[in-house]
């Protein structure tokens, strides 16, 4: 069997070059997935997936890695992604589930769930940083994917804006921590509030800083959350913070591919 010719995607080609190269190889619907909140010690982990239209219909003004945009620009891009995307999905994993299952497991499951929930089934999947198994379609893990691929950047904006809105809401329910400002990340102000008030149920007790302040640092990470504080097995909440969706069938994970100035793909399939 003949091997397809090597496809080289140059970073200078812009944010849409990788998707267009895949589409030229026959992968019409390219989905991107990303998460927000991985490094936070409070609040949910949020993952999102998006499929943008082909050609100019899929181009979105100001689209970029969500971390490089101002809050106002993120809101504008969020609205544009929701309006223009062929399909998008957002999955929210609450803090107690992160504690119970582990961060990396939840991160993979959330992106897998978001991709499985897309109303348009992707032909190819691009993920930010590391591969996601259980998709049933070929994919590529792209280093700094939210700065390289438009669909990943769109997913990063969906995830970031959704999570920021949740943290602003949590700031009203749990005053004194400054969730609306630092969004649950480990800033000096957040650490001072933790030391002053102790953790609330939206904190991740599996994280060393929270466990240390709560006096549970000597327990294994998944056993640090006190009984009765937002335990996954006993909770009965019905708020949007608990929304998750089904998990797709599994397959072996793919190792990530580092992207420097150029990205090389062997026939667009891994």
C-alpha atoms as a PDB file:
ATOM      1  CA  UNK A   1       0.000   0.000   0.000  1.00  0.00           C
ATOM      2  CA  UNK A   2       1.338   3.444  -0.897  1.00  0.00           C
ATOM      3  CA  UNK A   3       2.028   5.851   1.955  1.00  0.00           C
ATOM      4  CA  UNK A   4       0.374   9.269   1.518  1.00  0.00           C
ATOM      5  CA  UNK A   5       2.817  12.112   0.964  1.00  0.00           C
ATOM      6  CA  UNK A   6       3.987  14.038   3.967  1.00  0.00           C
ATOM      7  CA  UNK A   7       1.999  17.183   4.792  1.00  0.00           C
ATOM      8  CA  UNK A   8       3.878  20.084   6.371  1.00  0.00           C
ATOM      9  CA  UNK A   9       1.876  22.824   8.076  1.00  0.00           C
ATOM     10  CA  UNK A  10       3.881  25.971   8.713  1.00  0.00           C
ATOM     11  CA  UNK A  11       3.161  28.100  11.748  1.00  0.00           C
ATOM     12  CA  UNK A  12       3.409  31.167   9.511  1.00  0.00           C
ATOM     13  CA  UNK A  13       0.267  29.901   7.751  1.00  0.00           C
ATOM     14  CA  UNK A  14      -1.794  31.215  10.643  1.00  0.00           C
ATOM     15  CA  UNK A  15      -4.367  29.855  13.049  1.00  0.00           C
ATOM     16  CA  UNK A  16      -6.453  28.125  10.354  1.00  0.00           C
ATOM     17  CA  UNK A  17      -3.626  26.432   8.440  1.00  0.00           C
ATOM     18  CA  UNK A  18      -3.681  23.118  10.328  1.00  0.00           C
ATOM     19  CA  UNK A  19      -7.432  22.594   9.928  1.00  0.00           C
ATOM     20  CA  UNK A  20      -7.353  23.528   6.255  1.00  0.00           C
ATOM     21  CA  UNK A  21      -4.507  21.105   5.628  1.00  0.00           C
ATOM     22  CA  UNK A  22      -6.564  18.336   7.233  1.00  0.00           C
ATOM     23  CA  UNK A  23      -9.629  19.308   5.227  1.00  0.00           C
ATOM     24  CA  UNK A  24      -7.617  19.155   2.014  1.00  0.00           C
ATOM     25  CA  UNK A  25      -6.742  15.575   2.965  1.00  0.00           C
ATOM     26  CA  UNK A  26     -10.427  14.658   3.271  1.00  0.00           C
ATOM     27  CA  UNK A  27     -11.087  15.323   6.979  1.00  0.00           C
ATOM     28  CA  UNK A  28     -13.984  17.703   6.524  1.00  0.00           C
ATOM     29  CA  UNK A  29     -15.062  18.144  10.146  1.00  0.00           C
ATOM     30  CA  UNK A  30     -12.121  18.931  12.419  1.00  0.00           C
ATOM     31  CA  UNK A  31     -12.905  19.271  16.120  1.00  0.00           C
ATOM     32  CA  UNK A  32     -10.764  20.984  18.714  1.00  0.00           C
ATOM     33  CA  UNK A  33     -10.842  20.359  22.469  1.00  0.00           C
ATOM     34  CA  UNK A  34      -9.351  22.234  25.410  1.00  0.00           C
ATOM     35  CA  UNK A  35      -9.906  22.781  29.132  1.00  0.00           C
ATOM     36  CA  UNK A  36      -9.864  25.554  31.712  1.00  0.00           C
ATOM     37  CA  UNK A  37      -9.178  25.328  35.431  1.00  0.00           C
ATOM     38  CA  UNK A  38      -6.567  22.588  35.506  1.00  0.00           C
ATOM     39  CA  UNK A  39      -4.211  24.672  37.653  1.00  0.00           C
ATOM     40  CA  UNK A  40      -6.861  26.150  39.961  1.00  0.00           C
ATOM     41  CA  UNK A  41      -7.292  24.876  43.515  1.00  0.00           C
ATOM     42  CA  UNK A  42     -10.960  25.895  43.683  1.00  0.00           C
ATOM     43  CA  UNK A  43     -13.945  25.633  41.393  1.00  0.00           C
ATOM     44  CA  UNK A  44     -14.746  23.215  38.588  1.00  0.00           C
ATOM     45  CA  UNK A  45     -12.695  21.861  35.725  1.00  0.00           C
ATOM     46  CA  UNK A  46     -14.348  22.829  32.417  1.00  0.00           C
ATOM     47  CA  UNK A  47     -13.691  21.240  29.034  1.00  0.00           C
ATOM     48  CA  UNK A  48     -15.078  22.264  25.663  1.00  0.00           C
ATOM     49  CA  UNK A  49     -15.052  21.034  22.076  1.00  0.00           C
ATOM     50  CA  UNK A  50     -15.887  22.869  18.865  1.00  0.00           C
ATOM     51  CA  UNK A  51     -16.170  22.253  15.118  1.00  0.00           C
ATOM     52  CA  UNK A  52     -15.873  25.350  12.943  1.00  0.00           C
ATOM     53  CA  UNK A  53     -17.222  25.621   9.379  1.00  0.00           C
ATOM     54  CA  UNK A  54     -14.840  25.217   6.462  1.00  0.00           C
ATOM     55  CA  UNK A  55     -13.392  28.221   4.690  1.00  0.00           C
ATOM     56  CA  UNK A  56     -14.093  31.826   5.507  1.00  0.00           C
ATOM     57  CA  UNK A  57     -17.371  30.989   7.251  1.00  0.00           C
ATOM     58  CA  UNK A  58     -15.269  29.484  10.022  1.00  0.00           C
ATOM     59  CA  UNK A  59     -13.058  32.530  10.532  1.00  0.00           C
ATOM     60  CA  UNK A  60     -13.788  34.410  13.748  1.00  0.00           C
ATOM     61  CA  UNK A  61     -12.599  37.934  14.460  1.00  0.00           C
ATOM     62  CA  UNK A  62     -10.149  38.187  17.401  1.00  0.00           C
ATOM     63  CA  UNK A  63      -9.986  34.398  17.827  1.00  0.00           C
ATOM     64  CA  UNK A  64      -6.865  33.429  19.768  1.00  0.00           C
ATOM     65  CA  UNK A  65      -5.756  31.447  22.798  1.00  0.00           C
ATOM     66  CA  UNK A  66      -8.184  32.490  25.542  1.00  0.00           C
ATOM     67  CA  UNK A  67      -5.292  33.350  27.875  1.00  0.00           C
ATOM     68  CA  UNK A  68      -4.086  35.992  25.409  1.00  0.00           C
ATOM     69  CA  UNK A  69      -7.448  37.792  25.239  1.00  0.00           C
ATOM     70  CA  UNK A  70      -8.896  40.400  27.574  1.00  0.00           C
ATOM     71  CA  UNK A  71     -12.114  39.437  29.409  1.00  0.00           C
ATOM     72  CA  UNK A  72     -14.150  41.687  27.094  1.00  0.00           C
ATOM     73  CA  UNK A  73     -12.544  40.179  23.985  1.00  0.00           C
ATOM     74  CA  UNK A  74     -13.157  36.654  25.300  1.00  0.00           C
ATOM     75  CA  UNK A  75     -16.855  37.446  25.693  1.00  0.00           C
ATOM     76  CA  UNK A  76     -17.032  38.736  22.117  1.00  0.00           C
ATOM     77  CA  UNK A  77     -15.235  35.686  20.748  1.00  0.00           C
ATOM     78  CA  UNK A  78     -17.412  33.388  22.876  1.00  0.00           C
ATOM     79  CA  UNK A  79     -20.569  34.823  21.325  1.00  0.00           C
ATOM     80  CA  UNK A  80     -19.086  34.508  17.841  1.00  0.00           C
ATOM     81  CA  UNK A  81     -18.071  30.870  18.392  1.00  0.00           C
ATOM     82  CA  UNK A  82     -21.557  29.994  19.655  1.00  0.00           C
ATOM     83  CA  UNK A  83     -23.115  31.683  16.620  1.00  0.00           C
ATOM     84  CA  UNK A  84     -20.742  30.367  13.948  1.00  0.00           C
ATOM     85  CA  UNK A  85     -19.678  26.900  15.089  1.00  0.00           C
ATOM     86  CA  UNK A  86     -21.174  23.888  13.348  1.00  0.00           C
ATOM     87  CA  UNK A  87     -21.223  22.226  16.761  1.00  0.00           C
ATOM     88  CA  UNK A  88     -19.892  22.874  20.242  1.00  0.00           C
ATOM     89  CA  UNK A  89     -20.184  21.267  23.673  1.00  0.00           C
ATOM     90  CA  UNK A  90     -19.090  22.209  27.192  1.00  0.00           C
ATOM     91  CA  UNK A  91     -18.644  19.822  30.127  1.00  0.00           C
ATOM     92  CA  UNK A  92     -18.284  20.879  33.770  1.00  0.00           C
ATOM     93  CA  UNK A  93     -16.577  18.656  36.357  1.00  0.00           C
ATOM     94  CA  UNK A  94     -17.116  19.869  39.951  1.00  0.00           C
ATOM     95  CA  UNK A  95     -14.313  20.144  42.495  1.00  0.00           C
ATOM     96  CA  UNK A  96     -15.433  17.139  44.538  1.00  0.00           C
ATOM     97  CA  UNK A  97     -15.312  14.915  41.457  1.00  0.00           C
ATOM     98  CA  UNK A  98     -11.773  16.148  40.732  1.00  0.00           C
ATOM     99  CA  UNK A  99     -10.859  15.122  44.290  1.00  0.00           C
ATOM    100  CA  UNK A 100     -12.536  11.722  44.015  1.00  0.00           C
ATOM    101  CA  UNK A 101     -11.207  10.683  40.596  1.00  0.00           C
ATOM    102  CA  UNK A 102      -8.005  12.682  40.198  1.00  0.00           C
ATOM    103  CA  UNK A 103      -7.260  15.704  38.046  1.00  0.00           C
ATOM    104  CA  UNK A 104      -5.757  13.979  35.005  1.00  0.00           C
ATOM    105  CA  UNK A 105      -8.506  11.337  34.840  1.00  0.00           C
ATOM    106  CA  UNK A 106     -11.163  14.056  35.028  1.00  0.00           C
ATOM    107  CA  UNK A 107      -9.364  16.181  32.456  1.00  0.00           C
ATOM    108  CA  UNK A 108      -9.277  13.371  29.892  1.00  0.00           C
ATOM    109  CA  UNK A 109     -12.849  12.304  30.648  1.00  0.00           C
ATOM    110  CA  UNK A 110     -14.169  15.856  30.337  1.00  0.00           C
ATOM    111  CA  UNK A 111     -12.592  16.421  26.921  1.00  0.00           C
ATOM    112  CA  UNK A 112     -13.732  12.976  25.782  1.00  0.00           C
ATOM    113  CA  UNK A 113     -17.276  13.745  26.930  1.00  0.00           C
ATOM    114  CA  UNK A 114     -17.296  17.121  25.227  1.00  0.00           C
ATOM    115  CA  UNK A 115     -16.123  15.589  21.946  1.00  0.00           C
ATOM    116  CA  UNK A 116     -18.638  12.744  22.222  1.00  0.00           C
ATOM    117  CA  UNK A 117     -21.436  15.294  22.755  1.00  0.00           C
ATOM    118  CA  UNK A 118     -20.846  17.194  19.512  1.00  0.00           C
ATOM    119  CA  UNK A 119     -23.905  17.099  17.264  1.00  0.00           C
ATOM    120  CA  UNK A 120     -21.580  16.987  14.242  1.00  0.00           C
ATOM    121  CA  UNK A 121     -19.363  13.906  14.434  1.00  0.00           C
ATOM    122  CA  UNK A 122     -15.761  14.962  13.776  1.00  0.00           C
ATOM    123  CA  UNK A 123     -13.581  13.255  11.177  1.00  0.00           C
ATOM    124  CA  UNK A 124     -10.436  14.326  12.994  1.00  0.00           C
ATOM    125  CA  UNK A 125      -9.705  15.703  16.476  1.00  0.00           C
ATOM    126  CA  UNK A 126      -7.067  18.179  17.625  1.00  0.00           C
ATOM    127  CA  UNK A 127      -6.374  18.434  21.340  1.00  0.00           C
ATOM    128  CA  UNK A 128      -4.221  20.823  23.319  1.00  0.00           C
ATOM    129  CA  UNK A 129      -1.051  19.301  24.722  1.00  0.00           C
ATOM    130  CA  UNK A 130      -1.854  15.606  25.104  1.00  0.00           C
ATOM    131  CA  UNK A 131      -3.869  12.933  23.368  1.00  0.00           C
ATOM    132  CA  UNK A 132      -7.347  11.783  24.376  1.00  0.00           C
ATOM    133  CA  UNK A 133      -8.361   8.151  23.943  1.00  0.00           C
ATOM    134  CA  UNK A 134     -11.829   6.741  23.285  1.00  0.00           C
ATOM    135  CA  UNK A 135     -12.727   8.958  20.336  1.00  0.00           C
ATOM    136  CA  UNK A 136     -13.114   6.438  17.519  1.00  0.00           C
ATOM    137  CA  UNK A 137     -11.565   8.866  15.014  1.00  0.00           C
ATOM    138  CA  UNK A 138      -7.951   9.860  14.256  1.00  0.00           C
ATOM    139  CA  UNK A 139      -6.472  12.729  16.188  1.00  0.00           C
ATOM    140  CA  UNK A 140      -3.372  14.714  17.014  1.00  0.00           C
ATOM    141  CA  UNK A 141      -2.208  16.243  20.287  1.00  0.00           C
ATOM    142  CA  UNK A 142      -0.719  19.637  19.476  1.00  0.00           C
ATOM    143  CA  UNK A 143       1.697  21.483  21.740  1.00  0.00           C
ATOM    144  CA  UNK A 144       0.156  24.895  22.511  1.00  0.00           C
ATOM    145  CA  UNK A 145      -2.774  23.864  20.341  1.00  0.00           C
ATOM    146  CA  UNK A 146      -4.839  26.876  21.409  1.00  0.00           C
ATOM    147  CA  UNK A 147      -2.232  29.067  19.700  1.00  0.00           C
ATOM    148  CA  UNK A 148      -1.888  26.841  16.619  1.00  0.00           C
ATOM    149  CA  UNK A 149      -5.353  25.575  15.621  1.00  0.00           C
ATOM    150  CA  UNK A 150      -8.516  27.669  15.349  1.00  0.00           C
ATOM    151  CA  UNK A 151     -10.868  24.940  16.588  1.00  0.00           C
ATOM    152  CA  UNK A 152      -8.727  24.412  19.707  1.00  0.00           C
ATOM    153  CA  UNK A 153      -8.616  28.170  20.324  1.00  0.00           C
ATOM    154  CA  UNK A 154     -12.421  28.261  19.989  1.00  0.00           C
ATOM    155  CA  UNK A 155     -12.730  25.441  22.530  1.00  0.00           C
ATOM    156  CA  UNK A 156     -10.359  27.243  24.894  1.00  0.00           C
ATOM    157  CA  UNK A 157     -12.534  30.363  24.792  1.00  0.00           C
ATOM    158  CA  UNK A 158     -15.723  28.363  25.414  1.00  0.00           C
ATOM    159  CA  UNK A 159     -14.131  26.618  28.405  1.00  0.00           C
ATOM    160  CA  UNK A 160     -12.529  29.745  29.870  1.00  0.00           C
ATOM    161  CA  UNK A 161     -15.606  31.981  29.604  1.00  0.00           C
ATOM    162  CA  UNK A 162     -17.880  29.271  31.018  1.00  0.00           C
ATOM    163  CA  UNK A 163     -15.577  28.685  33.965  1.00  0.00           C
ATOM    164  CA  UNK A 164     -15.049  32.392  34.649  1.00  0.00           C
ATOM    165  CA  UNK A 165     -18.808  32.925  34.777  1.00  0.00           C
ATOM    166  CA  UNK A 166     -19.152  30.058  37.252  1.00  0.00           C
ATOM    167  CA  UNK A 167     -16.406  31.496  39.457  1.00  0.00           C
ATOM    168  CA  UNK A 168     -18.089  34.917  39.506  1.00  0.00           C
ATOM    169  CA  UNK A 169     -21.287  33.175  40.656  1.00  0.00           C
ATOM    170  CA  UNK A 170     -19.361  31.258  43.322  1.00  0.00           C
ATOM    171  CA  UNK A 171     -17.883  34.547  44.561  1.00  0.00           C
ATOM    172  CA  UNK A 172     -21.383  35.582  45.586  1.00  0.00           C
ATOM    173  CA  UNK A 173     -22.038  32.280  47.342  1.00  0.00           C
ATOM    174  CA  UNK A 174     -18.653  32.127  49.080  1.00  0.00           C
ATOM    175  CA  UNK A 175     -17.564  35.720  49.789  1.00  0.00           C
ATOM    176  CA  UNK A 176     -14.123  36.589  51.040  1.00  0.00           C
ATOM    177  CA  UNK A 177     -12.065  34.357  48.744  1.00  0.00           C
ATOM    178  CA  UNK A 178     -11.972  36.694  45.750  1.00  0.00           C
ATOM    179  CA  UNK A 179     -13.153  34.038  43.284  1.00  0.00           C
ATOM    180  CA  UNK A 180     -14.419  36.739  40.896  1.00  0.00           C
ATOM    181  CA  UNK A 181     -10.893  38.147  40.575  1.00  0.00           C
ATOM    182  CA  UNK A 182      -8.481  35.203  40.631  1.00  0.00           C
ATOM    183  CA  UNK A 183     -11.012  32.552  39.488  1.00  0.00           C
ATOM    184  CA  UNK A 184      -9.745  30.006  42.023  1.00  0.00           C
ATOM    185  CA  UNK A 185      -6.100  30.037  40.958  1.00  0.00           C
ATOM    186  CA  UNK A 186      -3.354  30.039  43.581  1.00  0.00           C
ATOM    187  CA  UNK A 187      -2.574  33.730  43.883  1.00  0.00           C
ATOM    188  CA  UNK A 188      -1.154  35.473  46.955  1.00  0.00           C
ATOM    189  CA  UNK A 189      -4.603  36.956  47.663  1.00  0.00           C
ATOM    190  CA  UNK A 190      -6.278  33.556  47.425  1.00  0.00           C
ATOM    191  CA  UNK A 191      -3.684  31.960  49.703  1.00  0.00           C
ATOM    192  CA  UNK A 192      -4.192  34.705  52.282  1.00  0.00           C
ATOM    193  CA  UNK A 193      -7.972  34.174  52.156  1.00  0.00           C
ATOM    194  CA  UNK A 194      -7.518  30.423  52.556  1.00  0.00           C
ATOM    195  CA  UNK A 195      -5.332  30.917  55.625  1.00  0.00           C
ATOM    196  CA  UNK A 196      -7.806  33.411  57.066  1.00  0.00           C
ATOM    197  CA  UNK A 197     -11.073  31.555  56.368  1.00  0.00           C
ATOM    198  CA  UNK A 198     -10.101  27.969  55.675  1.00  0.00           C
ATOM    199  CA  UNK A 199     -11.334  26.127  52.558  1.00  0.00           C
ATOM    200  CA  UNK A 200     -14.955  25.992  51.416  1.00  0.00           C
ATOM    201  CA  UNK A 201     -16.670  23.067  49.681  1.00  0.00           C
ATOM    202  CA  UNK A 202     -15.691  24.430  46.252  1.00  0.00           C
ATOM    203  CA  UNK A 203     -11.990  24.001  47.044  1.00  0.00           C
ATOM    204  CA  UNK A 204     -10.038  20.958  45.825  1.00  0.00           C
ATOM    205  CA  UNK A 205      -8.858  19.191  48.953  1.00  0.00           C
ATOM    206  CA  UNK A 206      -6.628  16.882  46.907  1.00  0.00           C
ATOM    207  CA  UNK A 207      -4.377  19.895  46.234  1.00  0.00           C
ATOM    208  CA  UNK A 208      -1.467  20.241  48.658  1.00  0.00           C
ATOM    209  CA  UNK A 209      -2.090  23.873  49.581  1.00  0.00           C
ATOM    210  CA  UNK A 210      -5.758  23.280  50.437  1.00  0.00           C
ATOM    211  CA  UNK A 211      -5.011  20.007  52.259  1.00  0.00           C
ATOM    212  CA  UNK A 212      -2.271  21.672  54.295  1.00  0.00           C
ATOM    213  CA  UNK A 213      -4.535  24.478  55.477  1.00  0.00           C
ATOM    214  CA  UNK A 214      -7.372  22.037  56.213  1.00  0.00           C
ATOM    215  CA  UNK A 215      -5.051  19.829  58.287  1.00  0.00           C
ATOM    216  CA  UNK A 216      -5.466  16.834  55.959  1.00  0.00           C
ATOM    217  CA  UNK A 217      -2.113  16.931  54.162  1.00  0.00           C
ATOM    218  CA  UNK A 218      -1.108  13.582  55.658  1.00  0.00           C
ATOM    219  CA  UNK A 219      -3.924  11.723  53.854  1.00  0.00           C
ATOM    220  CA  UNK A 220      -3.691  10.348  50.296  1.00  0.00           C
ATOM    221  CA  UNK A 221      -4.887  12.952  47.761  1.00  0.00           C
ATOM    222  CA  UNK A 222      -8.212  11.221  47.034  1.00  0.00           C
ATOM    223  CA  UNK A 223      -8.997  10.859  50.750  1.00  0.00           C
ATOM    224  CA  UNK A 224      -8.321  14.442  51.805  1.00  0.00           C
ATOM    225  CA  UNK A 225     -11.834  15.846  51.303  1.00  0.00           C
ATOM    226  CA  UNK A 226     -13.638  15.731  54.664  1.00  0.00           C
ATOM    227  CA  UNK A 227     -16.702  13.486  54.856  1.00  0.00           C
ATOM    228  CA  UNK A 228     -19.833  15.513  54.192  1.00  0.00           C
ATOM    229  CA  UNK A 229     -18.064  18.308  52.305  1.00  0.00           C
ATOM    230  CA  UNK A 230     -19.359  17.956  48.747  1.00  0.00           C
ATOM    231  CA  UNK A 231     -18.683  14.219  48.558  1.00  0.00           C
ATOM    232  CA  UNK A 232     -19.416  12.827  45.078  1.00  0.00           C
ATOM    233  CA  UNK A 233     -21.194   9.728  46.381  1.00  0.00           C
ATOM    234  CA  UNK A 234     -23.582  11.651  48.624  1.00  0.00           C
ATOM    235  CA  UNK A 235     -24.267  14.924  46.861  1.00  0.00           C
ATOM    236  CA  UNK A 236     -27.788  15.735  45.676  1.00  0.00           C
ATOM    237  CA  UNK A 237     -27.202  19.080  43.993  1.00  0.00           C
ATOM    238  CA  UNK A 238     -28.950  19.912  40.743  1.00  0.00           C
ATOM    239  CA  UNK A 239     -27.085  23.100  39.794  1.00  0.00           C
ATOM    240  CA  UNK A 240     -25.257  23.457  36.443  1.00  0.00           C
ATOM    241  CA  UNK A 241     -21.964  22.847  38.291  1.00  0.00           C
ATOM    242  CA  UNK A 242     -22.783  19.138  38.302  1.00  0.00           C
ATOM    243  CA  UNK A 243     -23.463  18.693  34.586  1.00  0.00           C
ATOM    244  CA  UNK A 244     -21.502  15.938  32.888  1.00  0.00           C
ATOM    245  CA  UNK A 245     -22.363  13.750  29.904  1.00  0.00           C
ATOM    246  CA  UNK A 246     -21.676  10.196  28.745  1.00  0.00           C
ATOM    247  CA  UNK A 247     -18.237   8.752  28.038  1.00  0.00           C
ATOM    248  CA  UNK A 248     -17.372   7.266  24.628  1.00  0.00           C
ATOM    249  CA  UNK A 249     -15.868   3.797  24.153  1.00  0.00           C
ATOM    250  CA  UNK A 250     -12.151   3.572  24.841  1.00  0.00           C
ATOM    251  CA  UNK A 251      -9.100   2.944  22.703  1.00  0.00           C
ATOM    252  CA  UNK A 252      -5.370   3.168  23.321  1.00  0.00           C
ATOM    253  CA  UNK A 253      -4.070   6.713  24.009  1.00  0.00           C
ATOM    254  CA  UNK A 254      -1.870   8.462  21.484  1.00  0.00           C
ATOM    255  CA  UNK A 255       1.343  10.243  22.514  1.00  0.00           C
ATOM    256  CA  UNK A 256       1.447  14.016  22.011  1.00  0.00           C
ATOM    257  CA  UNK A 257       3.286  15.580  19.087  1.00  0.00           C
ATOM    258  CA  UNK A 258       5.445  18.600  19.768  1.00  0.00           C
ATOM    259  CA  UNK A 259       4.849  21.556  17.467  1.00  0.00           C
ATOM    260  CA  UNK A 260       7.655  23.996  16.855  1.00  0.00           C
ATOM    261  CA  UNK A 261       7.847  26.271  13.853  1.00  0.00           C
ATOM    262  CA  UNK A 262       6.371  23.594  11.577  1.00  0.00           C
ATOM    263  CA  UNK A 263       3.969  20.704  12.099  1.00  0.00           C
ATOM    264  CA  UNK A 264       4.495  17.543  10.055  1.00  0.00           C
ATOM    265  CA  UNK A 265       1.711  14.999   9.561  1.00  0.00           C
ATOM    266  CA  UNK A 266       2.100  11.646   7.878  1.00  0.00           C
ATOM    267  CA  UNK A 267      -0.967  11.526   5.667  1.00  0.00           C
ATOM    268  CA  UNK A 268      -3.007  13.325   8.332  1.00  0.00           C
ATOM    269  CA  UNK A 269      -3.745  10.053  10.173  1.00  0.00           C
ATOM    270  CA  UNK A 270      -2.224   8.595  13.293  1.00  0.00           C
END
